[in-house]
Amino acid sequence: MSRPREFNIECALQQCMEVFWTKGFKATSFEDLTRRTQVKKQSLYCAFDDKRALFLKTLALYREQHAAKMEQFVSQEGSPLQKLEKIRDATFTPSAEGSCRGCFMVNSALEFGISDEEVTRQVEMMFREVERMIEQLIRSGQEQQMITNRHTAEALAAHLTNSLLGARMMEKSGASRERIEAVLRTSFALILP
C-alpha cells in the first residue's frame, strides 16, 4: 500500500512555477525546486514523474491562471476600450520579489523556440486564447463605433496581441517602462476610429 502524499500538490505546483518563471527550465535544478517547495526530491518525482513533466504542468497552470484573469477583465463593467486598456495596464505587474520576470509563457517560448512540441502547444494555446478574448472586445468596440473598422477585428486582435507580447519581451530585456508604455500607447492609438 502506498503512503499518502504529505504535501499540497497545488501549492507545490505554484511554487515550482515561480521557480521556473524566474530561472527558466534549463537553469532550474531539482534542488531549486525542492528547496522552494520543501518537498523531498523523491516525492516530487512520484507526483510529477520528472522535471519536464513538472514544467509542462506549471505552463498549463500559468495558462489557466492567465485565462481566468483575462476573463475577469472581459466580464467587468465598462466599454470595450476601457477593458482593453485594463488588459494593457495589467501587462506590467511586478512580481512579489519586485523583479522583472516578464511573461512566463513568452520566456518559455524564447527559451525553447519550437524544439519542444508540448511547450510549443502550451504557448500557442495561451496566445490563441488571449487573441480570441481581445478579438471579442474589438468586435464589440467596432459595433459601438469606438474602434476602427478599417481592419477586421481578427487583424486588430492579432496586432494588439503581438504588441502586448512584444512589450513583455521588451520588459524582460530591460527596456524602460516609459519606452514600453510609449510603444503600447501607439499600438492602442492605431485601433481608434
N, C-alpha and C. Protein backbone atom coordinates (compact mmCIF):
# COMPACT_ATOMS: atom_id res chain seq x y z
N MET A 1 0.84 -1.18 0.00
CA MET A 1 0.00 0.00 0.00
C MET A 1 0.89 1.25 0.00
N SER A 2 0.62 2.18 -0.91
CA SER A 2 1.44 3.39 -0.98
C SER A 2 1.04 4.38 0.10
N ARG A 3 2.03 5.14 0.52
CA ARG A 3 1.77 6.16 1.55
C ARG A 3 1.07 7.35 0.93
N PRO A 4 0.16 7.97 1.70
CA PRO A 4 -0.50 9.17 1.17
C PRO A 4 0.52 10.32 1.04
N ARG A 5 0.28 11.18 0.08
CA ARG A 5 1.17 12.33 -0.10
C ARG A 5 1.10 13.24 1.12
N GLU A 6 2.25 13.76 1.49
CA GLU A 6 2.31 14.60 2.68
C GLU A 6 2.49 16.07 2.32
N PHE A 7 2.14 16.45 1.09
CA PHE A 7 2.25 17.85 0.70
C PHE A 7 1.10 18.21 -0.22
N ASN A 8 0.84 19.48 -0.29
CA ASN A 8 -0.24 20.01 -1.12
C ASN A 8 0.28 20.16 -2.55
N ILE A 9 -0.24 19.35 -3.46
CA ILE A 9 0.26 19.35 -4.84
C ILE A 9 0.04 20.70 -5.51
N GLU A 10 -1.14 21.31 -5.31
CA GLU A 10 -1.41 22.61 -5.95
C GLU A 10 -0.45 23.68 -5.47
N CYS A 11 -0.16 23.67 -4.17
CA CYS A 11 0.78 24.65 -3.61
C CYS A 11 2.19 24.41 -4.15
N ALA A 12 2.60 23.15 -4.20
CA ALA A 12 3.93 22.82 -4.72
C ALA A 12 4.04 23.19 -6.20
N LEU A 13 2.98 22.96 -6.95
CA LEU A 13 2.98 23.31 -8.37
C LEU A 13 3.13 24.81 -8.56
N GLN A 14 2.40 25.59 -7.76
CA GLN A 14 2.50 27.05 -7.82
C GLN A 14 3.93 27.50 -7.49
N GLN A 15 4.51 26.91 -6.47
CA GLN A 15 5.87 27.27 -6.08
C GLN A 15 6.89 26.89 -7.16
N CYS A 16 6.70 25.74 -7.77
CA CYS A 16 7.59 25.32 -8.86
C CYS A 16 7.45 26.27 -10.05
N MET A 17 6.22 26.69 -10.32
CA MET A 17 6.01 27.64 -11.41
C MET A 17 6.80 28.91 -11.17
N GLU A 18 6.81 29.39 -9.95
CA GLU A 18 7.55 30.61 -9.61
C GLU A 18 9.05 30.43 -9.87
N VAL A 19 9.57 29.25 -9.53
CA VAL A 19 10.99 29.00 -9.76
C VAL A 19 11.30 28.95 -11.25
N PHE A 20 10.52 28.18 -12.01
CA PHE A 20 10.73 28.09 -13.46
C PHE A 20 10.58 29.46 -14.11
N TRP A 21 9.61 30.22 -13.66
CA TRP A 21 9.33 31.55 -14.22
C TRP A 21 10.54 32.46 -14.02
N THR A 22 11.14 32.39 -12.86
CA THR A 22 12.28 33.25 -12.54
C THR A 22 13.57 32.78 -13.22
N LYS A 23 13.82 31.47 -13.21
CA LYS A 23 15.11 30.95 -13.68
C LYS A 23 15.08 30.35 -15.08
N GLY A 24 13.90 29.96 -15.56
CA GLY A 24 13.82 29.23 -16.82
C GLY A 24 13.94 27.74 -16.57
N PHE A 25 13.61 26.95 -17.58
CA PHE A 25 13.63 25.49 -17.42
C PHE A 25 15.05 24.96 -17.25
N LYS A 26 15.92 25.31 -18.17
CA LYS A 26 17.26 24.72 -18.19
C LYS A 26 18.08 25.10 -16.96
N ALA A 27 17.93 26.31 -16.47
CA ALA A 27 18.73 26.76 -15.33
C ALA A 27 18.16 26.30 -13.99
N THR A 28 16.97 25.74 -14.00
CA THR A 28 16.35 25.27 -12.75
C THR A 28 16.78 23.84 -12.47
N SER A 29 17.31 23.62 -11.28
CA SER A 29 17.69 22.26 -10.87
C SER A 29 16.58 21.69 -9.98
N PHE A 30 16.59 20.38 -9.82
CA PHE A 30 15.62 19.78 -8.92
C PHE A 30 15.86 20.26 -7.50
N GLU A 31 17.11 20.59 -7.18
CA GLU A 31 17.42 21.12 -5.85
C GLU A 31 16.73 22.48 -5.65
N ASP A 32 16.69 23.31 -6.71
CA ASP A 32 15.97 24.59 -6.62
C ASP A 32 14.51 24.35 -6.28
N LEU A 33 13.93 23.35 -6.93
CA LEU A 33 12.51 23.05 -6.74
C LEU A 33 12.25 22.48 -5.34
N THR A 34 13.11 21.59 -4.88
CA THR A 34 12.88 21.02 -3.54
C THR A 34 13.13 22.06 -2.46
N ARG A 35 14.10 22.93 -2.69
CA ARG A 35 14.37 24.00 -1.72
C ARG A 35 13.16 24.91 -1.58
N ARG A 36 12.56 25.29 -2.72
CA ARG A 36 11.42 26.20 -2.70
C ARG A 36 10.16 25.55 -2.13
N THR A 37 9.93 24.29 -2.49
CA THR A 37 8.69 23.63 -2.07
C THR A 37 8.81 22.97 -0.70
N GLN A 38 10.05 22.73 -0.26
CA GLN A 38 10.29 21.98 0.97
C GLN A 38 9.73 20.55 0.87
N VAL A 39 9.72 20.04 -0.37
CA VAL A 39 9.26 18.68 -0.63
C VAL A 39 10.46 17.87 -1.10
N LYS A 40 10.58 16.65 -0.61
CA LYS A 40 11.72 15.80 -1.00
C LYS A 40 11.67 15.47 -2.48
N LYS A 41 12.86 15.29 -3.04
CA LYS A 41 13.00 15.01 -4.46
C LYS A 41 12.17 13.79 -4.88
N GLN A 42 12.25 12.73 -4.12
CA GLN A 42 11.50 11.51 -4.45
C GLN A 42 10.00 11.76 -4.47
N SER A 43 9.52 12.57 -3.55
CA SER A 43 8.08 12.89 -3.51
C SER A 43 7.67 13.70 -4.73
N LEU A 44 8.52 14.65 -5.14
CA LEU A 44 8.22 15.41 -6.36
C LEU A 44 8.23 14.50 -7.58
N TYR A 45 9.22 13.59 -7.64
CA TYR A 45 9.27 12.64 -8.76
C TYR A 45 8.01 11.77 -8.79
N CYS A 46 7.58 11.31 -7.64
CA CYS A 46 6.38 10.47 -7.59
C CYS A 46 5.15 11.22 -8.06
N ALA A 47 5.06 12.49 -7.73
CA ALA A 47 3.89 13.29 -8.10
C ALA A 47 3.94 13.76 -9.55
N PHE A 48 5.13 14.05 -10.07
CA PHE A 48 5.23 14.70 -11.38
C PHE A 48 6.13 13.97 -12.39
N ASP A 49 6.63 12.80 -12.08
CA ASP A 49 7.47 11.98 -12.96
C ASP A 49 8.88 12.53 -13.14
N ASP A 50 9.02 13.71 -13.76
CA ASP A 50 10.34 14.28 -13.99
C ASP A 50 10.23 15.80 -14.13
N LYS A 51 11.38 16.44 -14.30
CA LYS A 51 11.41 17.90 -14.36
C LYS A 51 10.60 18.44 -15.53
N ARG A 52 10.70 17.81 -16.68
CA ARG A 52 9.98 18.27 -17.86
C ARG A 52 8.47 18.16 -17.65
N ALA A 53 8.01 17.04 -17.12
CA ALA A 53 6.57 16.86 -16.86
C ALA A 53 6.08 17.92 -15.87
N LEU A 54 6.88 18.18 -14.86
CA LEU A 54 6.53 19.22 -13.89
C LEU A 54 6.48 20.58 -14.56
N PHE A 55 7.44 20.87 -15.41
CA PHE A 55 7.47 22.14 -16.12
C PHE A 55 6.22 22.31 -16.99
N LEU A 56 5.84 21.26 -17.71
CA LEU A 56 4.64 21.33 -18.55
C LEU A 56 3.39 21.58 -17.72
N LYS A 57 3.34 20.99 -16.53
CA LYS A 57 2.19 21.24 -15.65
C LYS A 57 2.17 22.69 -15.17
N THR A 58 3.37 23.26 -14.92
CA THR A 58 3.41 24.66 -14.49
C THR A 58 2.99 25.59 -15.64
N LEU A 59 3.35 25.25 -16.87
CA LEU A 59 2.90 26.04 -18.02
C LEU A 59 1.38 26.00 -18.14
N ALA A 60 0.80 24.82 -17.98
CA ALA A 60 -0.66 24.69 -18.04
C ALA A 60 -1.32 25.49 -16.92
N LEU A 61 -0.74 25.46 -15.73
CA LEU A 61 -1.28 26.23 -14.61
C LEU A 61 -1.22 27.72 -14.91
N TYR A 62 -0.09 28.18 -15.42
CA TYR A 62 0.05 29.60 -15.77
C TYR A 62 -0.99 30.01 -16.81
N ARG A 63 -1.16 29.16 -17.83
CA ARG A 63 -2.13 29.44 -18.89
C ARG A 63 -3.54 29.55 -18.32
N GLU A 64 -3.90 28.63 -17.43
CA GLU A 64 -5.23 28.66 -16.80
C GLU A 64 -5.41 29.92 -15.96
N GLN A 65 -4.40 30.28 -15.18
CA GLN A 65 -4.49 31.47 -14.34
C GLN A 65 -4.59 32.73 -15.19
N HIS A 66 -3.82 32.77 -16.28
CA HIS A 66 -3.84 33.93 -17.17
C HIS A 66 -5.19 34.05 -17.86
N ALA A 67 -5.75 32.93 -18.31
CA ALA A 67 -7.06 32.94 -18.97
C ALA A 67 -8.14 33.43 -18.00
N ALA A 68 -8.07 32.99 -16.76
CA ALA A 68 -9.05 33.42 -15.75
C ALA A 68 -8.95 34.93 -15.52
N LYS A 69 -7.73 35.43 -15.47
CA LYS A 69 -7.51 36.87 -15.28
C LYS A 69 -8.07 37.66 -16.47
N MET A 70 -7.81 37.16 -17.68
CA MET A 70 -8.33 37.83 -18.88
C MET A 70 -9.86 37.81 -18.90
N GLU A 71 -10.45 36.67 -18.55
CA GLU A 71 -11.91 36.57 -18.50
C GLU A 71 -12.49 37.56 -17.51
N GLN A 72 -11.78 37.77 -16.43
CA GLN A 72 -12.21 38.74 -15.42
C GLN A 72 -12.25 40.14 -16.02
N PHE A 73 -11.24 40.52 -16.79
CA PHE A 73 -11.23 41.83 -17.44
C PHE A 73 -12.38 41.95 -18.44
N VAL A 74 -12.60 40.91 -19.21
CA VAL A 74 -13.63 40.93 -20.25
C VAL A 74 -15.02 41.06 -19.63
N SER A 75 -15.25 40.45 -18.48
CA SER A 75 -16.58 40.45 -17.87
C SER A 75 -16.86 41.66 -16.98
N GLN A 76 -15.86 42.50 -16.74
CA GLN A 76 -16.07 43.69 -15.90
C GLN A 76 -16.95 44.71 -16.61
N GLU A 77 -17.48 45.64 -15.82
CA GLU A 77 -18.24 46.76 -16.37
C GLU A 77 -17.29 47.66 -17.14
N GLY A 78 -17.82 48.32 -18.14
CA GLY A 78 -17.03 49.28 -18.89
C GLY A 78 -17.12 49.03 -20.37
N SER A 79 -16.64 50.01 -21.12
CA SER A 79 -16.66 49.90 -22.58
C SER A 79 -15.58 48.92 -23.03
N PRO A 80 -15.68 48.44 -24.28
CA PRO A 80 -14.62 47.57 -24.79
C PRO A 80 -13.25 48.23 -24.74
N LEU A 81 -13.19 49.53 -25.01
CA LEU A 81 -11.89 50.23 -24.95
C LEU A 81 -11.35 50.26 -23.52
N GLN A 82 -12.21 50.50 -22.55
CA GLN A 82 -11.77 50.51 -21.16
C GLN A 82 -11.24 49.14 -20.74
N LYS A 83 -11.90 48.09 -21.21
CA LYS A 83 -11.46 46.73 -20.88
C LYS A 83 -10.10 46.44 -21.53
N LEU A 84 -9.94 46.86 -22.78
CA LEU A 84 -8.65 46.67 -23.45
C LEU A 84 -7.54 47.44 -22.73
N GLU A 85 -7.86 48.63 -22.26
CA GLU A 85 -6.87 49.42 -21.52
C GLU A 85 -6.49 48.74 -20.20
N LYS A 86 -7.46 48.10 -19.55
CA LYS A 86 -7.16 47.37 -18.31
C LYS A 86 -6.23 46.20 -18.60
N ILE A 87 -6.48 45.52 -19.72
CA ILE A 87 -5.60 44.42 -20.11
C ILE A 87 -4.19 44.96 -20.37
N ARG A 88 -4.12 46.07 -21.09
CA ARG A 88 -2.81 46.69 -21.37
C ARG A 88 -2.10 47.05 -20.07
N ASP A 89 -2.82 47.70 -19.16
CA ASP A 89 -2.21 48.15 -17.92
C ASP A 89 -1.78 46.98 -17.02
N ALA A 90 -2.52 45.87 -17.11
CA ALA A 90 -2.19 44.70 -16.28
C ALA A 90 -1.00 43.92 -16.84
N THR A 91 -0.56 44.28 -18.02
CA THR A 91 0.57 43.59 -18.64
C THR A 91 1.82 43.70 -17.77
N PHE A 92 1.96 44.78 -17.06
CA PHE A 92 3.18 45.01 -16.27
C PHE A 92 2.87 45.05 -14.79
N THR A 93 2.76 43.89 -14.20
CA THR A 93 2.57 43.77 -12.77
C THR A 93 3.85 43.21 -12.19
N PRO A 94 4.54 43.98 -11.35
CA PRO A 94 5.80 43.48 -10.80
C PRO A 94 5.59 42.20 -9.99
N SER A 95 6.58 41.33 -9.99
CA SER A 95 6.49 40.10 -9.21
C SER A 95 6.62 40.44 -7.73
N ALA A 96 6.32 39.45 -6.90
CA ALA A 96 6.40 39.65 -5.45
C ALA A 96 7.81 40.08 -5.03
N GLU A 97 8.80 39.58 -5.76
CA GLU A 97 10.19 39.93 -5.44
C GLU A 97 10.58 41.28 -6.03
N GLY A 98 9.68 41.89 -6.81
CA GLY A 98 9.97 43.17 -7.43
C GLY A 98 10.81 43.06 -8.68
N SER A 99 11.11 41.82 -9.10
CA SER A 99 11.95 41.64 -10.28
C SER A 99 11.13 41.72 -11.56
N CYS A 100 11.81 41.85 -12.65
CA CYS A 100 11.20 41.98 -13.96
C CYS A 100 11.26 40.63 -14.65
N ARG A 101 10.31 39.75 -14.35
CA ARG A 101 10.37 38.39 -14.86
C ARG A 101 9.78 38.25 -16.25
N GLY A 102 9.03 39.23 -16.69
CA GLY A 102 8.36 39.09 -17.96
C GLY A 102 7.20 38.12 -17.84
N CYS A 103 6.76 37.61 -18.95
CA CYS A 103 5.65 36.65 -19.02
C CYS A 103 6.24 35.24 -19.05
N PHE A 104 5.77 34.36 -18.21
CA PHE A 104 6.29 33.00 -18.15
C PHE A 104 6.17 32.31 -19.50
N MET A 105 5.06 32.52 -20.20
CA MET A 105 4.85 31.87 -21.48
C MET A 105 5.79 32.43 -22.55
N VAL A 106 5.96 33.76 -22.56
CA VAL A 106 6.89 34.37 -23.52
C VAL A 106 8.31 33.90 -23.22
N ASN A 107 8.68 33.88 -21.95
CA ASN A 107 10.01 33.41 -21.57
C ASN A 107 10.24 31.98 -22.06
N SER A 108 9.23 31.15 -21.90
CA SER A 108 9.35 29.74 -22.31
C SER A 108 9.45 29.62 -23.82
N ALA A 109 8.68 30.43 -24.53
CA ALA A 109 8.75 30.42 -26.00
C ALA A 109 10.15 30.82 -26.46
N LEU A 110 10.73 31.81 -25.81
CA LEU A 110 12.07 32.24 -26.17
C LEU A 110 13.12 31.20 -25.81
N GLU A 111 12.94 30.53 -24.68
CA GLU A 111 13.92 29.53 -24.26
C GLU A 111 13.88 28.29 -25.16
N PHE A 112 12.69 27.84 -25.53
CA PHE A 112 12.56 26.59 -26.26
C PHE A 112 12.44 26.77 -27.78
N GLY A 113 11.99 27.94 -28.22
CA GLY A 113 11.71 28.08 -29.65
C GLY A 113 10.66 27.07 -30.03
N ILE A 114 10.92 26.28 -31.06
CA ILE A 114 9.98 25.22 -31.44
C ILE A 114 10.59 23.84 -31.21
N SER A 115 11.59 23.76 -30.33
CA SER A 115 12.30 22.50 -30.12
C SER A 115 11.51 21.49 -29.30
N ASP A 116 10.49 21.93 -28.57
CA ASP A 116 9.70 21.01 -27.75
C ASP A 116 8.23 21.19 -28.14
N GLU A 117 7.67 20.14 -28.72
CA GLU A 117 6.31 20.20 -29.24
C GLU A 117 5.27 20.54 -28.17
N GLU A 118 5.42 19.95 -26.98
CA GLU A 118 4.45 20.20 -25.91
C GLU A 118 4.52 21.63 -25.39
N VAL A 119 5.73 22.15 -25.24
CA VAL A 119 5.88 23.54 -24.81
C VAL A 119 5.27 24.46 -25.87
N THR A 120 5.57 24.19 -27.13
CA THR A 120 5.03 24.99 -28.23
C THR A 120 3.50 24.95 -28.20
N ARG A 121 2.93 23.79 -27.94
CA ARG A 121 1.46 23.66 -27.89
C ARG A 121 0.87 24.51 -26.77
N GLN A 122 1.49 24.48 -25.57
CA GLN A 122 1.00 25.28 -24.45
C GLN A 122 1.09 26.78 -24.77
N VAL A 123 2.21 27.19 -25.35
CA VAL A 123 2.41 28.59 -25.71
C VAL A 123 1.36 29.04 -26.73
N GLU A 124 1.19 28.25 -27.78
CA GLU A 124 0.22 28.61 -28.82
C GLU A 124 -1.20 28.65 -28.28
N MET A 125 -1.54 27.72 -27.39
CA MET A 125 -2.89 27.72 -26.80
C MET A 125 -3.15 29.01 -26.04
N MET A 126 -2.16 29.44 -25.24
CA MET A 126 -2.37 30.66 -24.47
C MET A 126 -2.47 31.87 -25.38
N PHE A 127 -1.60 31.97 -26.36
CA PHE A 127 -1.62 33.12 -27.25
C PHE A 127 -2.93 33.18 -28.03
N ARG A 128 -3.44 32.02 -28.45
CA ARG A 128 -4.74 31.99 -29.15
C ARG A 128 -5.88 32.42 -28.23
N GLU A 129 -5.84 31.99 -26.96
CA GLU A 129 -6.88 32.37 -26.00
C GLU A 129 -6.89 33.88 -25.79
N VAL A 130 -5.71 34.45 -25.63
CA VAL A 130 -5.59 35.91 -25.44
C VAL A 130 -6.14 36.63 -26.67
N GLU A 131 -5.70 36.19 -27.83
CA GLU A 131 -6.13 36.84 -29.07
C GLU A 131 -7.64 36.74 -29.26
N ARG A 132 -8.21 35.59 -28.91
CA ARG A 132 -9.66 35.41 -29.04
C ARG A 132 -10.42 36.39 -28.15
N MET A 133 -9.97 36.57 -26.91
CA MET A 133 -10.65 37.49 -25.99
C MET A 133 -10.50 38.94 -26.45
N ILE A 134 -9.32 39.29 -26.94
CA ILE A 134 -9.11 40.64 -27.45
C ILE A 134 -9.97 40.86 -28.69
N GLU A 135 -10.07 39.88 -29.55
CA GLU A 135 -10.90 39.99 -30.74
C GLU A 135 -12.36 40.22 -30.37
N GLN A 136 -12.82 39.54 -29.35
CA GLN A 136 -14.20 39.70 -28.87
C GLN A 136 -14.44 41.15 -28.45
N LEU A 137 -13.50 41.72 -27.71
CA LEU A 137 -13.63 43.11 -27.26
C LEU A 137 -13.57 44.08 -28.44
N ILE A 138 -12.67 43.82 -29.38
CA ILE A 138 -12.55 44.70 -30.55
C ILE A 138 -13.82 44.66 -31.39
N ARG A 139 -14.35 43.48 -31.61
CA ARG A 139 -15.59 43.36 -32.40
C ARG A 139 -16.71 44.16 -31.74
N SER A 140 -16.82 44.05 -30.42
CA SER A 140 -17.84 44.81 -29.69
C SER A 140 -17.58 46.31 -29.82
N GLY A 141 -16.31 46.71 -29.74
CA GLY A 141 -15.96 48.12 -29.90
C GLY A 141 -16.24 48.63 -31.30
N GLN A 142 -16.06 47.78 -32.30
CA GLN A 142 -16.37 48.16 -33.68
C GLN A 142 -17.88 48.34 -33.86
N GLU A 143 -18.65 47.46 -33.26
CA GLU A 143 -20.11 47.58 -33.34
C GLU A 143 -20.60 48.87 -32.70
N GLN A 144 -19.89 49.32 -31.66
CA GLN A 144 -20.25 50.57 -30.97
C GLN A 144 -19.53 51.78 -31.58
N GLN A 145 -18.81 51.57 -32.65
CA GLN A 145 -18.06 52.61 -33.38
C GLN A 145 -17.01 53.30 -32.50
N MET A 146 -16.45 52.56 -31.56
CA MET A 146 -15.37 53.06 -30.70
C MET A 146 -14.01 52.65 -31.24
N ILE A 147 -14.01 51.64 -32.12
CA ILE A 147 -12.78 51.07 -32.67
C ILE A 147 -12.91 51.07 -34.19
N THR A 148 -11.81 51.34 -34.85
CA THR A 148 -11.81 51.45 -36.31
C THR A 148 -12.33 50.20 -37.00
N ASN A 149 -12.98 50.42 -38.13
CA ASN A 149 -13.43 49.33 -38.99
C ASN A 149 -12.53 49.21 -40.22
N ARG A 150 -11.43 49.96 -40.25
CA ARG A 150 -10.50 49.89 -41.40
C ARG A 150 -9.88 48.51 -41.54
N HIS A 151 -9.85 47.77 -40.42
CA HIS A 151 -9.30 46.41 -40.43
C HIS A 151 -10.29 45.50 -39.70
N THR A 152 -10.20 44.23 -39.96
CA THR A 152 -11.08 43.28 -39.28
C THR A 152 -10.73 43.18 -37.80
N ALA A 153 -11.69 42.73 -37.03
CA ALA A 153 -11.44 42.51 -35.60
C ALA A 153 -10.32 41.49 -35.42
N GLU A 154 -10.29 40.50 -36.29
CA GLU A 154 -9.26 39.47 -36.23
C GLU A 154 -7.86 40.07 -36.44
N ALA A 155 -7.73 40.93 -37.45
CA ALA A 155 -6.43 41.55 -37.74
C ALA A 155 -6.00 42.48 -36.61
N LEU A 156 -6.95 43.26 -36.08
CA LEU A 156 -6.61 44.17 -34.98
C LEU A 156 -6.25 43.41 -33.71
N ALA A 157 -6.93 42.28 -33.48
CA ALA A 157 -6.62 41.46 -32.30
C ALA A 157 -5.22 40.88 -32.42
N ALA A 158 -4.86 40.43 -33.62
CA ALA A 158 -3.51 39.91 -33.85
C ALA A 158 -2.48 41.01 -33.60
N HIS A 159 -2.78 42.22 -34.07
CA HIS A 159 -1.88 43.37 -33.88
C HIS A 159 -1.68 43.67 -32.39
N LEU A 160 -2.79 43.78 -31.65
CA LEU A 160 -2.67 44.12 -30.22
C LEU A 160 -2.01 43.00 -29.43
N THR A 161 -2.36 41.76 -29.74
CA THR A 161 -1.73 40.64 -29.04
C THR A 161 -0.23 40.64 -29.27
N ASN A 162 0.17 40.87 -30.51
CA ASN A 162 1.60 40.93 -30.83
C ASN A 162 2.27 42.08 -30.09
N SER A 163 1.58 43.22 -30.00
CA SER A 163 2.15 44.37 -29.27
C SER A 163 2.33 44.04 -27.79
N LEU A 164 1.33 43.39 -27.20
CA LEU A 164 1.42 43.04 -25.78
C LEU A 164 2.55 42.03 -25.53
N LEU A 165 2.66 41.05 -26.42
CA LEU A 165 3.73 40.05 -26.27
C LEU A 165 5.10 40.70 -26.50
N GLY A 166 5.18 41.57 -27.49
CA GLY A 166 6.43 42.28 -27.74
C GLY A 166 6.83 43.15 -26.55
N ALA A 167 5.83 43.75 -25.92
CA ALA A 167 6.10 44.57 -24.73
C ALA A 167 6.66 43.71 -23.60
N ARG A 168 6.14 42.48 -23.48
CA ARG A 168 6.66 41.58 -22.44
C ARG A 168 8.11 41.20 -22.73
N MET A 169 8.44 41.04 -24.02
CA MET A 169 9.83 40.76 -24.39
C MET A 169 10.71 41.97 -24.09
N MET A 170 10.20 43.16 -24.37
CA MET A 170 10.96 44.38 -24.06
C MET A 170 11.20 44.47 -22.56
N GLU A 171 10.17 44.15 -21.78
CA GLU A 171 10.28 44.20 -20.32
C GLU A 171 11.37 43.25 -19.85
N LYS A 172 11.35 42.02 -20.34
CA LYS A 172 12.32 41.01 -19.93
C LYS A 172 13.74 41.41 -20.31
N SER A 173 13.88 42.13 -21.44
CA SER A 173 15.22 42.51 -21.89
C SER A 173 15.70 43.82 -21.28
N GLY A 174 14.90 44.39 -20.37
CA GLY A 174 15.36 45.54 -19.60
C GLY A 174 14.97 46.90 -20.15
N ALA A 175 14.08 46.97 -21.14
CA ALA A 175 13.62 48.27 -21.65
C ALA A 175 12.92 49.03 -20.54
N SER A 176 13.01 50.35 -20.59
CA SER A 176 12.38 51.16 -19.54
C SER A 176 10.86 51.07 -19.67
N ARG A 177 10.20 51.25 -18.55
CA ARG A 177 8.73 51.23 -18.53
C ARG A 177 8.18 52.32 -19.44
N GLU A 178 8.84 53.49 -19.46
CA GLU A 178 8.38 54.60 -20.29
C GLU A 178 8.40 54.23 -21.77
N ARG A 179 9.48 53.57 -22.19
CA ARG A 179 9.61 53.17 -23.59
C ARG A 179 8.53 52.14 -23.96
N ILE A 180 8.32 51.18 -23.08
CA ILE A 180 7.32 50.15 -23.33
C ILE A 180 5.92 50.77 -23.40
N GLU A 181 5.63 51.67 -22.46
CA GLU A 181 4.31 52.32 -22.45
C GLU A 181 4.10 53.15 -23.71
N ALA A 182 5.16 53.78 -24.21
CA ALA A 182 5.05 54.55 -25.45
C ALA A 182 4.70 53.65 -26.63
N VAL A 183 5.32 52.48 -26.70
CA VAL A 183 5.03 51.52 -27.76
C VAL A 183 3.57 51.07 -27.67
N LEU A 184 3.12 50.77 -26.47
CA LEU A 184 1.75 50.30 -26.30
C LEU A 184 0.73 51.41 -26.57
N ARG A 185 1.05 52.63 -26.16
CA ARG A 185 0.14 53.76 -26.46
C ARG A 185 -0.05 53.89 -27.98
N THR A 186 1.04 53.79 -28.72
CA THR A 186 0.96 53.87 -30.17
C THR A 186 0.12 52.73 -30.75
N SER A 187 0.37 51.52 -30.28
CA SER A 187 -0.38 50.36 -30.77
C SER A 187 -1.87 50.51 -30.50
N PHE A 188 -2.21 50.99 -29.32
CA PHE A 188 -3.62 51.16 -28.99
C PHE A 188 -4.25 52.34 -29.73
N ALA A 189 -3.46 53.38 -29.99
CA ALA A 189 -3.98 54.52 -30.74
C ALA A 189 -4.36 54.11 -32.17
N LEU A 190 -3.67 53.15 -32.73
CA LEU A 190 -3.92 52.71 -34.09
C LEU A 190 -5.26 51.99 -34.26
N ILE A 191 -5.89 51.58 -33.17
CA ILE A 191 -7.19 50.91 -33.30
C ILE A 191 -8.35 51.89 -33.18
N LEU A 192 -8.06 53.14 -32.87
CA LEU A 192 -9.14 54.13 -32.70
C LEU A 192 -9.69 54.54 -34.07
N PRO A 193 -10.97 54.96 -34.11
CA PRO A 193 -11.55 55.35 -35.42
C PRO A 193 -10.90 56.59 -36.00
